[in-house]
Amino acid sequence: PGDYNGDASVDAADYTVWRDALGEANPAADGDGDGLVDQDDYGVWRDNYGVTPDLSVPNGDFETGDLSEWEVVVEPNTDVSSGFPRVESFDVNGDGQPTDAMRVRLGRFDAGSPGGVVALEQELLLAAGDYEFSADVASQSLQSFGNTGPGDYVMYLDGEVLDEVLLNGTTIDGFEVIRQSLYGALQGVQPGYHTLRLEVSRGATNSREIYHFFDNIAFAPLLSSATAAPEPHTAGLLVLGAWAIGAGRRQRAAS
């Protein structure tokens, strides 16, 4: 709101757009959407003055010790253990240093119907450009025998898949930790708000001690874009490169 020149910042340049459109039916400067540029739209600009694009994912590494800045989405037919998701200390990326991370235990109420999905969502304000997005994920077994539902992990921007790690159907051994990462790049991202979503899912019931983690959720300008020739797209083009989606991904496992 108040970004009348469409650069994802609310500043003096937006006032100029509003002033020049005053009294007109100009959607670009119609902050309240009533069909006419008037003093109320000035108020929208004034109240949002100083808003600038995000430079990082707020609370992307859960440094607050909770899930603030994130919206937790529990899809239908999802059985989430009491008290989850929550933030706990865990070594998600395998560097030997436990840090705060989101932890959840879940499954389906009815294994024969769709569901068993928990997601984190956040609105990011991005300037126009090319970006890379990443996150660390892990599955942990606290039982003494194997399980074939370690979890599927997917990262989206505006509903488009950036990357996925599909572990359901593979085996996590007793007391094993499987560590992985998600990575995806987008070219030609348009300025404005974009929805980042990270989800984990299981197809089985929530009857086994299998836990799931997210940590180090981040984005950054795509450095290689300086030498690339981007092709703008409303939501951006997926650049998968050498990162393959699906069961053929590299997997690192640590006991």
Protein backbone atom coordinates (compact mmCIF):
# COMPACT_ATOMS: atom_id res chain seq x y z
CA PRO A 1 0.00 0.00 0.00
CA GLY A 2 1.25 3.46 -0.88
CA ASP A 3 3.79 2.18 -3.41
CA TYR A 4 2.40 4.18 -6.30
CA ASN A 5 5.38 3.86 -8.64
CA GLY A 6 5.68 0.08 -8.21
CA ASP A 7 9.27 -0.15 -6.95
CA ALA A 8 8.41 -1.94 -3.66
CA SER A 9 9.40 1.15 -1.61
CA VAL A 10 7.14 3.86 -0.21
CA ASP A 11 8.96 7.18 -0.50
CA ALA A 12 8.79 10.70 -1.92
CA ALA A 13 8.60 9.40 -5.48
CA ASP A 14 5.23 7.84 -4.69
CA TYR A 15 3.92 11.18 -3.44
CA THR A 16 4.70 12.65 -6.85
CA VAL A 17 2.66 9.93 -8.55
CA TRP A 18 -0.25 10.59 -6.18
CA ARG A 19 -0.07 14.37 -6.66
CA ASP A 20 -0.03 14.12 -10.44
CA ALA A 21 -3.01 11.73 -10.42
CA LEU A 22 -5.11 13.63 -7.85
CA GLY A 23 -8.75 13.73 -8.90
CA GLU A 24 -8.34 11.07 -11.55
CA ALA A 25 -9.41 7.43 -11.81
CA ASN A 26 -5.84 6.16 -11.82
CA PRO A 27 -5.41 2.67 -10.31
CA ALA A 28 -1.67 3.21 -9.84
CA ALA A 29 -2.29 5.85 -7.14
CA ASP A 30 -5.65 4.62 -5.82
CA GLY A 31 -4.38 3.28 -2.52
CA ASP A 32 -7.77 2.50 -1.02
CA GLY A 33 -9.22 1.09 -4.22
CA ASP A 34 -12.33 3.28 -4.30
CA GLY A 35 -11.88 4.20 -7.96
CA LEU A 36 -10.71 7.79 -7.43
CA VAL A 37 -7.36 9.28 -6.41
CA ASP A 38 -8.10 11.56 -3.46
CA GLN A 39 -6.90 12.61 0.01
CA ASP A 40 -7.60 9.16 1.40
CA ASP A 41 -4.95 7.79 -0.94
CA TYR A 42 -2.53 10.38 0.40
CA GLY A 43 -3.28 8.95 3.84
CA VAL A 44 -2.41 5.47 2.61
CA TRP A 45 0.93 6.79 1.33
CA ARG A 46 1.60 8.73 4.56
CA ASP A 47 0.82 5.77 6.81
CA ASN A 48 3.16 3.48 4.87
CA TYR A 49 5.95 5.97 4.23
CA GLY A 50 9.36 4.41 4.80
CA VAL A 51 8.40 0.83 3.88
CA THR A 52 11.27 -0.80 2.00
CA PRO A 53 11.80 -4.26 0.49
CA ASP A 54 12.85 -7.13 2.73
CA LEU A 55 16.57 -7.85 2.68
CA SER A 56 16.19 -11.24 4.37
CA VAL A 57 13.47 -13.61 5.55
CA PRO A 58 12.21 -12.25 8.88
CA ASN A 59 12.82 -14.88 11.57
CA GLY A 60 14.10 -17.23 8.88
CA ASP A 61 16.40 -18.93 11.36
CA PHE A 62 13.87 -18.77 14.23
CA GLU A 63 16.21 -16.58 16.26
CA THR A 64 13.23 -15.25 18.22
CA GLY A 65 12.73 -18.69 19.75
CA ASP A 66 9.21 -18.91 18.37
CA LEU A 67 7.27 -18.87 15.08
CA SER A 68 6.65 -15.12 14.97
CA GLU A 69 6.48 -13.69 11.42
CA TRP A 70 5.26 -17.09 10.16
CA GLU A 71 1.74 -18.30 9.51
CA VAL A 72 1.31 -21.98 10.34
CA VAL A 73 -0.99 -23.78 7.89
CA VAL A 74 -2.41 -27.19 8.82
CA GLU A 75 -4.14 -28.76 5.85
CA PRO A 76 -7.28 -30.94 6.21
CA ASN A 77 -6.84 -34.55 7.35
CA THR A 78 -3.63 -33.66 9.19
CA ASP A 79 -2.91 -35.04 12.65
CA VAL A 80 -0.36 -32.81 14.42
CA SER A 81 1.00 -33.88 17.79
CA SER A 82 0.06 -31.62 20.69
CA GLY A 83 2.34 -28.62 21.11
CA PHE A 84 3.71 -28.76 17.57
CA PRO A 85 4.96 -27.11 15.48
CA ARG A 86 7.35 -25.32 17.81
CA VAL A 87 10.93 -24.06 17.93
CA GLU A 88 13.60 -26.29 19.46
CA SER A 89 17.38 -26.48 19.28
CA PHE A 90 18.61 -29.00 16.70
CA ASP A 91 21.52 -29.45 14.29
CA VAL A 92 19.53 -29.33 11.06
CA ASN A 93 22.37 -28.72 8.59
CA GLY A 94 24.87 -31.14 10.13
CA ASP A 95 27.57 -28.62 11.03
CA GLY A 96 27.70 -29.86 14.62
CA GLN A 97 26.14 -26.67 16.03
CA PRO A 98 22.51 -26.99 17.20
CA THR A 99 20.45 -23.85 16.59
CA ASP A 100 16.81 -22.89 16.93
CA ALA A 101 14.68 -24.64 14.30
CA MET A 102 11.03 -25.42 13.65
CA ARG A 103 10.12 -28.95 14.73
CA VAL A 104 6.89 -30.83 14.02
CA ARG A 105 5.45 -34.32 14.25
CA LEU A 106 2.55 -35.10 11.94
CA GLY A 107 0.64 -37.63 9.89
CA ARG A 108 -2.82 -38.23 8.48
CA PHE A 109 -5.96 -39.11 10.39
CA ASP A 110 -7.02 -41.21 7.40
CA ALA A 111 -4.03 -42.64 5.53
CA GLY A 112 -6.22 -43.35 2.51
CA SER A 113 -7.21 -39.72 1.91
CA PRO A 114 -5.15 -36.64 0.94
CA GLY A 115 -3.69 -34.59 3.76
CA GLY A 116 -0.92 -34.87 6.29
CA VAL A 117 0.55 -31.44 5.46
CA VAL A 118 1.93 -28.68 7.69
CA ALA A 119 3.30 -25.52 6.10
CA LEU A 120 4.96 -22.26 7.10
CA GLU A 121 4.02 -19.19 5.05
CA GLN A 122 5.25 -15.61 5.03
CA GLU A 123 4.67 -12.56 2.83
CA LEU A 124 7.93 -11.06 1.57
CA LEU A 125 8.20 -7.59 0.05
CA LEU A 126 10.67 -7.90 -2.83
CA ALA A 127 12.17 -5.38 -5.19
CA ALA A 128 12.28 -6.32 -8.86
CA GLY A 129 15.15 -8.67 -9.63
CA ASP A 130 16.51 -12.21 -9.66
CA TYR A 131 16.64 -14.18 -6.42
CA GLU A 132 17.75 -17.46 -4.91
CA PHE A 133 15.88 -19.11 -2.05
CA SER A 134 17.12 -21.83 0.31
CA ALA A 135 16.30 -23.76 3.46
CA ASP A 136 17.71 -26.65 5.47
CA VAL A 137 15.45 -29.58 6.36
CA ALA A 138 15.86 -32.73 8.42
CA SER A 139 13.94 -35.85 9.39
CA GLN A 140 14.63 -37.56 12.72
CA SER A 141 13.59 -41.00 13.93
CA LEU A 142 13.36 -41.56 17.68
CA GLN A 143 12.31 -45.19 17.38
CA SER A 144 14.53 -48.26 17.20
CA PHE A 145 13.23 -49.58 13.86
CA GLY A 146 12.94 -48.21 10.34
CA ASN A 147 10.08 -46.26 8.78
CA THR A 148 9.16 -45.52 5.17
CA GLY A 149 7.63 -42.08 5.84
CA PRO A 150 10.54 -39.69 6.51
CA GLY A 151 8.56 -36.84 4.92
CA ASP A 152 8.32 -34.85 1.71
CA TYR A 153 9.60 -31.26 1.79
CA VAL A 154 8.58 -28.59 -0.73
CA MET A 155 9.44 -24.89 -1.08
CA TYR A 156 7.19 -22.54 -3.09
CA LEU A 157 7.05 -18.90 -4.11
CA ASP A 158 3.59 -17.69 -5.09
CA GLY A 159 2.47 -21.28 -5.55
CA GLU A 160 5.30 -22.27 -7.91
CA VAL A 161 7.59 -25.07 -6.76
CA LEU A 162 11.14 -23.86 -6.18
CA ASP A 163 12.48 -27.20 -5.00
CA GLU A 164 11.42 -30.40 -3.28
CA VAL A 165 13.00 -33.27 -1.38
CA LEU A 166 10.81 -36.37 -1.61
CA LEU A 167 11.70 -38.86 1.11
CA ASN A 168 8.38 -40.63 1.60
CA GLY A 169 8.74 -44.16 0.27
CA THR A 170 12.39 -44.32 1.28
CA THR A 171 13.56 -45.70 4.62
CA ILE A 172 14.75 -43.80 7.65
CA ASP A 173 16.51 -46.22 9.99
CA GLY A 174 16.03 -46.38 13.72
CA PHE A 175 17.49 -43.30 15.46
CA GLU A 176 18.67 -41.93 12.12
CA VAL A 177 18.71 -38.28 11.05
CA ILE A 178 18.37 -37.48 7.34
CA ARG A 179 19.57 -34.00 6.44
CA GLN A 180 18.84 -32.21 3.18
CA SER A 181 18.50 -28.73 1.72
CA LEU A 182 16.10 -26.93 -0.58
CA TYR A 183 17.31 -24.48 -3.23
CA GLY A 184 15.67 -22.65 -6.08
CA ALA A 185 16.27 -19.53 -8.16
CA LEU A 186 13.84 -17.19 -9.87
CA GLN A 187 14.54 -14.64 -12.57
CA GLY A 188 12.44 -11.60 -13.31
CA VAL A 189 10.62 -11.40 -9.97
CA GLN A 190 8.23 -8.45 -10.07
CA PRO A 191 8.26 -5.83 -7.27
CA GLY A 192 5.68 -6.32 -4.54
CA TYR A 193 4.55 -8.89 -2.01
CA HIS A 194 5.24 -12.57 -2.65
CA THR A 195 4.24 -15.62 -0.60
CA LEU A 196 7.04 -17.93 0.50
CA ARG A 197 5.77 -21.35 1.61
CA LEU A 198 7.63 -24.34 3.04
CA GLU A 199 5.71 -27.52 3.69
CA VAL A 200 6.31 -31.01 4.99
CA SER A 201 3.96 -33.94 4.45
CA ARG A 202 3.55 -37.60 5.37
CA GLY A 203 1.16 -40.14 3.89
CA ALA A 204 0.99 -42.34 6.98
CA THR A 205 -0.82 -41.90 10.26
CA ASN A 206 0.88 -40.09 13.12
CA SER A 207 1.71 -43.27 15.03
CA ARG A 208 5.52 -43.31 14.79
CA GLU A 209 8.19 -41.12 16.37
CA ILE A 210 9.23 -39.33 13.18
CA TYR A 211 10.03 -35.61 13.50
CA HIS A 212 10.65 -32.93 10.89
CA PHE A 213 12.70 -29.71 10.95
CA PHE A 214 13.09 -26.47 8.99
CA ASP A 215 15.91 -23.98 9.55
CA ASN A 216 18.03 -21.33 7.83
CA ILE A 217 15.26 -20.16 5.52
CA ALA A 218 16.79 -17.44 3.36
CA PHE A 219 16.79 -15.52 0.10
CA ALA A 220 19.39 -13.36 -1.62
CA PRO A 221 19.89 -11.58 -4.94
CA LEU A 222 21.02 -14.02 -7.60
CA LEU A 223 24.61 -12.95 -8.20
CA SER A 224 24.86 -14.63 -11.59
CA SER A 225 22.03 -12.45 -12.89
CA ALA A 226 24.53 -9.72 -13.74
CA THR A 227 25.77 -11.82 -16.64
CA ALA A 228 22.46 -13.48 -17.52
CA ALA A 229 19.75 -12.22 -19.82
CA PRO A 230 16.58 -12.52 -17.72
CA GLU A 231 13.20 -13.05 -19.33
CA PRO A 232 10.61 -11.34 -17.10
CA HIS A 233 7.61 -13.36 -16.00
CA THR A 234 4.76 -12.42 -13.72
CA ALA A 235 5.99 -14.73 -10.98
CA GLY A 236 9.49 -15.34 -12.34
CA LEU A 237 11.09 -18.19 -14.22
CA LEU A 238 12.30 -21.21 -12.34
CA VAL A 239 16.00 -21.79 -12.84
CA LEU A 240 16.67 -25.34 -11.80
CA GLY A 241 20.05 -25.79 -13.47
CA ALA A 242 21.85 -28.68 -11.95
CA TRP A 243 19.44 -29.02 -9.07
CA ALA A 244 17.17 -31.94 -9.92
CA ILE A 245 13.75 -32.25 -8.33
CA GLY A 246 12.61 -35.65 -7.21
CA ALA A 247 13.87 -38.92 -5.98
CA GLY A 248 17.20 -38.59 -7.75
CA ARG A 249 18.44 -35.90 -5.38
CA ARG A 250 21.61 -36.33 -3.42
CA GLN A 251 20.92 -37.36 0.13
CA ARG A 252 23.15 -36.93 3.11
CA ALA A 253 22.42 -38.98 6.15
CA ALA A 254 23.97 -38.93 9.59
CA SER A 255 23.24 -41.10 12.56
